[in-house]
Amino acid sequence: MEGKEQKTKKQVPLRLSTALYNELAAWAEDEFRSVNGQIEYLLTEAVKKRKGTDTKEKKE
């Protein structure tokens, strides 16, 4: 994810419980995304947040 966004995406098999999948599906529907799009969005936001936290910790 560094630099330019790559045009190709890596496929990753993912196993989820039915309950978690259903929660993600409902959340995705609320935000007009596919389940895959919702998972990608959540992971991207988590990585951004982690990078921001790491940067703050290094400055202290």
PDB file of N, CA and C in Angstrom:
ATOM      1  N   MET A   1       0.813  -1.202   0.000  1.00  0.00           N
ATOM      2  CA  MET A   1       0.000   0.000   0.000  1.00  0.00           C
ATOM      3  C   MET A   1       0.856   1.264   0.000  1.00  0.00           C
ATOM      4  N   GLU A   2       2.141   1.117   0.020  1.00  0.00           N
ATOM      5  CA  GLU A   2       2.994   2.285   0.011  1.00  0.00           C
ATOM      6  C   GLU A   2       3.072   2.858  -1.394  1.00  0.00           C
ATOM      7  N   GLY A   3       3.245   4.169  -1.490  1.00  0.00           N
ATOM      8  CA  GLY A   3       3.382   4.797  -2.788  1.00  0.00           C
ATOM      9  C   GLY A   3       2.100   4.720  -3.589  1.00  0.00           C
ATOM     10  N   LYS A   4       2.266   4.469  -4.879  1.00  0.00           N
ATOM     11  CA  LYS A   4       1.104   4.371  -5.765  1.00  0.00           C
ATOM     12  C   LYS A   4       0.329   3.091  -5.479  1.00  0.00           C
ATOM     13  N   GLU A   5      -0.982   3.209  -5.526  1.00  0.00           N
ATOM     14  CA  GLU A   5      -1.827   2.027  -5.324  1.00  0.00           C
ATOM     15  C   GLU A   5      -1.659   1.100  -6.518  1.00  0.00           C
ATOM     16  N   GLN A   6      -1.428  -0.167  -6.233  1.00  0.00           N
ATOM     17  CA  GLN A   6      -1.247  -1.127  -7.307  1.00  0.00           C
ATOM     18  C   GLN A   6      -2.584  -1.422  -7.969  1.00  0.00           C
ATOM     19  N   LYS A   7      -2.544  -1.658  -9.282  1.00  0.00           N
ATOM     20  CA  LYS A   7      -3.767  -1.957 -10.019  1.00  0.00           C
ATOM     21  C   LYS A   7      -4.220  -3.387  -9.790  1.00  0.00           C
ATOM     22  N   THR A   8      -3.279  -4.271  -9.491  1.00  0.00           N
ATOM     23  CA  THR A   8      -3.649  -5.655  -9.218  1.00  0.00           C
ATOM     24  C   THR A   8      -3.823  -5.835  -7.719  1.00  0.00           C
ATOM     25  N   LYS A   9      -4.651  -6.779  -7.368  1.00  0.00           N
ATOM     26  CA  LYS A   9      -4.901  -7.041  -5.952  1.00  0.00           C
ATOM     27  C   LYS A   9      -4.576  -8.487  -5.650  1.00  0.00           C
ATOM     28  N   LYS A  10      -4.095  -8.728  -4.474  1.00  0.00           N
ATOM     29  CA  LYS A  10      -3.766 -10.067  -4.013  1.00  0.00           C
ATOM     30  C   LYS A  10      -5.031 -10.745  -3.520  1.00  0.00           C
ATOM     31  N   GLN A  11      -5.258 -11.971  -3.946  1.00  0.00           N
ATOM     32  CA  GLN A  11      -6.404 -12.738  -3.469  1.00  0.00           C
ATOM     33  C   GLN A  11      -5.985 -13.497  -2.219  1.00  0.00           C
ATOM     34  N   VAL A  12      -6.814 -13.413  -1.183  1.00  0.00           N
ATOM     35  CA  VAL A  12      -6.513 -14.060   0.092  1.00  0.00           C
ATOM     36  C   VAL A  12      -7.734 -14.857   0.536  1.00  0.00           C
ATOM     37  N   PRO A  13      -7.578 -16.172   0.692  1.00  0.00           N
ATOM     38  CA  PRO A  13      -8.702 -16.960   1.216  1.00  0.00           C
ATOM     39  C   PRO A  13      -8.975 -16.548   2.668  1.00  0.00           C
ATOM     40  N   LEU A  14     -10.218 -16.408   3.016  1.00  0.00           N
ATOM     41  CA  LEU A  14     -10.571 -15.955   4.360  1.00  0.00           C
ATOM     42  C   LEU A  14     -11.748 -16.763   4.874  1.00  0.00           C
ATOM     43  N   ARG A  15     -11.585 -17.322   6.051  1.00  0.00           N
ATOM     44  CA  ARG A  15     -12.674 -18.079   6.673  1.00  0.00           C
ATOM     45  C   ARG A  15     -13.233 -17.254   7.828  1.00  0.00           C
ATOM     46  N   LEU A  16     -14.537 -17.079   7.825  1.00  0.00           N
ATOM     47  CA  LEU A  16     -15.221 -16.311   8.863  1.00  0.00           C
ATOM     48  C   LEU A  16     -16.350 -17.155   9.436  1.00  0.00           C
ATOM     49  N   SER A  17     -16.665 -16.905  10.690  1.00  0.00           N
ATOM     50  CA  SER A  17     -17.845 -17.560  11.249  1.00  0.00           C
ATOM     51  C   SER A  17     -19.078 -16.986  10.552  1.00  0.00           C
ATOM     52  N   THR A  18     -20.145 -17.734  10.562  1.00  0.00           N
ATOM     53  CA  THR A  18     -21.388 -17.267   9.947  1.00  0.00           C
ATOM     54  C   THR A  18     -21.866 -15.989  10.622  1.00  0.00           C
ATOM     55  N   ALA A  19     -21.747 -15.938  11.938  1.00  0.00           N
ATOM     56  CA  ALA A  19     -22.197 -14.751  12.677  1.00  0.00           C
ATOM     57  C   ALA A  19     -21.401 -13.512  12.264  1.00  0.00           C
ATOM     58  N   LEU A  20     -20.075 -13.644  12.168  1.00  0.00           N
ATOM     59  CA  LEU A  20     -19.246 -12.504  11.770  1.00  0.00           C
ATOM     60  C   LEU A  20     -19.562 -12.090  10.338  1.00  0.00           C
ATOM     61  N   TYR A  21     -19.702 -13.055   9.448  1.00  0.00           N
ATOM     62  CA  TYR A  21     -20.042 -12.746   8.061  1.00  0.00           C
ATOM     63  C   TYR A  21     -21.361 -11.979   7.984  1.00  0.00           C
ATOM     64  N   ASN A  22     -22.356 -12.434   8.731  1.00  0.00           N
ATOM     65  CA  ASN A  22     -23.662 -11.766   8.716  1.00  0.00           C
ATOM     66  C   ASN A  22     -23.564 -10.335   9.227  1.00  0.00           C
ATOM     67  N   GLU A  23     -22.766 -10.115  10.263  1.00  0.00           N
ATOM     68  CA  GLU A  23     -22.565  -8.750  10.777  1.00  0.00           C
ATOM     69  C   GLU A  23     -21.887  -7.872   9.732  1.00  0.00           C
ATOM     70  N   LEU A  24     -20.854  -8.412   9.081  1.00  0.00           N
ATOM     71  CA  LEU A  24     -20.156  -7.658   8.040  1.00  0.00           C
ATOM     72  C   LEU A  24     -21.071  -7.376   6.852  1.00  0.00           C
ATOM     73  N   ALA A  25     -21.899  -8.347   6.490  1.00  0.00           N
ATOM     74  CA  ALA A  25     -22.826  -8.166   5.371  1.00  0.00           C
ATOM     75  C   ALA A  25     -23.832  -7.057   5.668  1.00  0.00           C
ATOM     76  N   ALA A  26     -24.356  -7.033   6.886  1.00  0.00           N
ATOM     77  CA  ALA A  26     -25.310  -5.986   7.269  1.00  0.00           C
ATOM     78  C   ALA A  26     -24.632  -4.620   7.273  1.00  0.00           C
ATOM     79  N   TRP A  27     -23.418  -4.566   7.808  1.00  0.00           N
ATOM     80  CA  TRP A  27     -22.653  -3.319   7.858  1.00  0.00           C
ATOM     81  C   TRP A  27     -22.359  -2.838   6.440  1.00  0.00           C
ATOM     82  N   ALA A  28     -21.938  -3.751   5.583  1.00  0.00           N
ATOM     83  CA  ALA A  28     -21.639  -3.405   4.195  1.00  0.00           C
ATOM     84  C   ALA A  28     -22.880  -2.849   3.497  1.00  0.00           C
ATOM     85  N   GLU A  29     -24.009  -3.477   3.720  1.00  0.00           N
ATOM     86  CA  GLU A  29     -25.253  -3.006   3.107  1.00  0.00           C
ATOM     87  C   GLU A  29     -25.592  -1.596   3.578  1.00  0.00           C
ATOM     88  N   ASP A  30     -25.401  -1.325   4.862  1.00  0.00           N
ATOM     89  CA  ASP A  30     -25.652   0.014   5.408  1.00  0.00           C
ATOM     90  C   ASP A  30     -24.785   1.076   4.733  1.00  0.00           C
ATOM     91  N   GLU A  31     -23.586   0.683   4.311  1.00  0.00           N
ATOM     92  CA  GLU A  31     -22.638   1.631   3.719  1.00  0.00           C
ATOM     93  C   GLU A  31     -22.534   1.478   2.201  1.00  0.00           C
ATOM     94  N   PHE A  32     -23.493   0.736   1.609  1.00  0.00           N
ATOM     95  CA  PHE A  32     -23.570   0.557   0.155  1.00  0.00           C
ATOM     96  C   PHE A  32     -22.278  -0.012  -0.434  1.00  0.00           C
ATOM     97  N   ARG A  33     -21.721  -1.014   0.256  1.00  0.00           N
ATOM     98  CA  ARG A  33     -20.528  -1.705  -0.219  1.00  0.00           C
ATOM     99  C   ARG A  33     -20.818  -3.192  -0.315  1.00  0.00           C
ATOM    100  N   SER A  34     -19.976  -3.885  -1.076  1.00  0.00           N
ATOM    101  CA  SER A  34     -20.015  -5.346  -1.058  1.00  0.00           C
ATOM    102  C   SER A  34     -19.343  -5.804   0.236  1.00  0.00           C
ATOM    103  N   VAL A  35     -19.537  -7.056   0.601  1.00  0.00           N
ATOM    104  CA  VAL A  35     -18.866  -7.584   1.795  1.00  0.00           C
ATOM    105  C   VAL A  35     -17.357  -7.494   1.597  1.00  0.00           C
ATOM    106  N   ASN A  36     -16.883  -7.875   0.413  1.00  0.00           N
ATOM    107  CA  ASN A  36     -15.452  -7.789   0.132  1.00  0.00           C
ATOM    108  C   ASN A  36     -14.960  -6.344   0.253  1.00  0.00           C
ATOM    109  N   GLY A  37     -15.721  -5.412  -0.309  1.00  0.00           N
ATOM    110  CA  GLY A  37     -15.359  -4.001  -0.221  1.00  0.00           C
ATOM    111  C   GLY A  37     -15.331  -3.507   1.215  1.00  0.00           C
ATOM    112  N   GLN A  38     -16.260  -3.975   2.024  1.00  0.00           N
ATOM    113  CA  GLN A  38     -16.312  -3.570   3.427  1.00  0.00           C
ATOM    114  C   GLN A  38     -15.094  -4.099   4.180  1.00  0.00           C
ATOM    115  N   ILE A  39     -14.742  -5.354   3.948  1.00  0.00           N
ATOM    116  CA  ILE A  39     -13.572  -5.936   4.609  1.00  0.00           C
ATOM    117  C   ILE A  39     -12.311  -5.185   4.193  1.00  0.00           C
ATOM    118  N   GLU A  40     -12.180  -4.897   2.897  1.00  0.00           N
ATOM    119  CA  GLU A  40     -11.010  -4.155   2.415  1.00  0.00           C
ATOM    120  C   GLU A  40     -10.962  -2.761   3.037  1.00  0.00           C
ATOM    121  N   TYR A  41     -12.104  -2.088   3.119  1.00  0.00           N
ATOM    122  CA  TYR A  41     -12.170  -0.761   3.733  1.00  0.00           C
ATOM    123  C   TYR A  41     -11.739  -0.816   5.201  1.00  0.00           C
ATOM    124  N   LEU A  42     -12.276  -1.774   5.950  1.00  0.00           N
ATOM    125  CA  LEU A  42     -11.948  -1.886   7.370  1.00  0.00           C
ATOM    126  C   LEU A  42     -10.469  -2.184   7.583  1.00  0.00           C
ATOM    127  N   LEU A  43      -9.917  -3.062   6.772  1.00  0.00           N
ATOM    128  CA  LEU A  43      -8.492  -3.378   6.895  1.00  0.00           C
ATOM    129  C   LEU A  43      -7.624  -2.175   6.534  1.00  0.00           C
ATOM    130  N   THR A  44      -8.003  -1.446   5.494  1.00  0.00           N
ATOM    131  CA  THR A  44      -7.254  -0.249   5.098  1.00  0.00           C
ATOM    132  C   THR A  44      -7.265   0.789   6.211  1.00  0.00           C
ATOM    133  N   GLU A  45      -8.431   1.018   6.815  1.00  0.00           N
ATOM    134  CA  GLU A  45      -8.532   1.981   7.913  1.00  0.00           C
ATOM    135  C   GLU A  45      -7.710   1.534   9.123  1.00  0.00           C
ATOM    136  N   ALA A  46      -7.717   0.243   9.420  1.00  0.00           N
ATOM    137  CA  ALA A  46      -6.936  -0.276  10.550  1.00  0.00           C
ATOM    138  C   ALA A  46      -5.445  -0.071  10.320  1.00  0.00           C
ATOM    139  N   VAL A  47      -4.982  -0.293   9.097  1.00  0.00           N
ATOM    140  CA  VAL A  47      -3.565  -0.096   8.778  1.00  0.00           C
ATOM    141  C   VAL A  47      -3.204   1.384   8.877  1.00  0.00           C
ATOM    142  N   LYS A  48      -4.063   2.267   8.367  1.00  0.00           N
ATOM    143  CA  LYS A  48      -3.815   3.714   8.477  1.00  0.00           C
ATOM    144  C   LYS A  48      -3.720   4.132   9.935  1.00  0.00           C
ATOM    145  N   LYS A  49      -4.647   3.630  10.754  1.00  0.00           N
ATOM    146  CA  LYS A  49      -4.659   3.964  12.174  1.00  0.00           C
ATOM    147  C   LYS A  49      -3.389   3.458  12.851  1.00  0.00           C
ATOM    148  N   ARG A  50      -2.984   2.245  12.529  1.00  0.00           N
ATOM    149  CA  ARG A  50      -1.778   1.666  13.116  1.00  0.00           C
ATOM    150  C   ARG A  50      -0.552   2.481  12.727  1.00  0.00           C
ATOM    151  N   LYS A  51      -0.466   2.877  11.469  1.00  0.00           N
ATOM    152  CA  LYS A  51       0.665   3.686  11.012  1.00  0.00           C
ATOM    153  C   LYS A  51       0.687   5.026  11.736  1.00  0.00           C
ATOM    154  N   GLY A  52      -0.470   5.614  11.942  1.00  0.00           N
ATOM    155  CA  GLY A  52      -0.551   6.875  12.663  1.00  0.00           C
ATOM    156  C   GLY A  52      -0.118   6.724  14.101  1.00  0.00           C
ATOM    157  N   THR A  53      -0.505   5.631  14.749  1.00  0.00           N
ATOM    158  CA  THR A  53      -0.122   5.352  16.129  1.00  0.00           C
ATOM    159  C   THR A  53       1.371   5.122  16.219  1.00  0.00           C
ATOM    160  N   ASP A  54       1.935   4.347  15.287  1.00  0.00           N
ATOM    161  CA  ASP A  54       3.372   4.089  15.286  1.00  0.00           C
ATOM    162  C   ASP A  54       4.150   5.385  15.124  1.00  0.00           C
ATOM    163  N   THR A  55       3.680   6.265  14.250  1.00  0.00           N
ATOM    164  CA  THR A  55       4.356   7.534  14.011  1.00  0.00           C
ATOM    165  C   THR A  55       4.349   8.386  15.272  1.00  0.00           C
ATOM    166  N   LYS A  56       3.218   8.438  15.969  1.00  0.00           N
ATOM    167  CA  LYS A  56       3.119   9.227  17.197  1.00  0.00           C
ATOM    168  C   LYS A  56       4.042   8.680  18.275  1.00  0.00           C
ATOM    169  N   GLU A  57       4.115   7.357  18.408  1.00  0.00           N
ATOM    170  CA  GLU A  57       4.958   6.742  19.428  1.00  0.00           C
ATOM    171  C   GLU A  57       6.429   7.016  19.163  1.00  0.00           C
ATOM    172  N   LYS A  58       6.844   7.035  17.902  1.00  0.00           N
ATOM    173  CA  LYS A  58       8.244   7.272  17.558  1.00  0.00           C
ATOM    174  C   LYS A  58       8.648   8.709  17.849  1.00  0.00           C
ATOM    175  N   LYS A  59       7.702   9.648  17.749  1.00  0.00           N
ATOM    176  CA  LYS A  59       7.996  11.056  18.002  1.00  0.00           C
ATOM    177  C   LYS A  59       8.201  11.342  19.477  1.00  0.00           C
ATOM    178  N   GLU A  60       7.586  10.531  20.349  1.00  0.00           N
ATOM    179  CA  GLU A  60       7.663  10.785  21.790  1.00  0.00           C
ATOM    180  C   GLU A  60       8.983  10.373  22.376  1.00  0.00           C
TER     181      GLU A  60
END
